């Protein structure tokens, strides 16, 4: 892959966040919630012929375009917060770094969701693109929940220490 568009480092940093906080190792729950559950739900949706329609593709593109723009601004905000004295603690800086990795990968998921959803209706192998789109949408939602939790922890710790 061309080095300027290589996103493997983002994916690697994101997958480093999918570990048990105490043991620093992935456990069954991580694999279940981020691989087995999304794949199973995606399979069931495609198996039951709940394929993505054109109207849904338009909604996906509109919603994710707005999300990407807001997320890029949020990354800048996190960068500015990390330079403040209150956020110099190693634990807090780690949470900020993990949150940036999660936001970055959610932006990458957004791009893939848009591409796969566009291909889901116009390809001979549309079933596979529908599966991938559903899988990535579920991954996206789970990643958003993880981002929400990390931001909450970060801000609530700061508010408690004031």
Foldseek 3Di string as FASTA:
>chain_A
DPPVPDCVVLVVLQVQVLPDPVVSHHDPVSCCQQPVVLLVVLCVCLVVVVFDDPVNLVVLLVVLVVLLVVLVVVLVVLVVVCVDPLQVDPVSVSLSSNLNSLSVVLNVLSVLLNVLSVVLPPDPVNSVSRSSNSSSVSNSVVSVVVSVVSVCVNVVVSVVVD
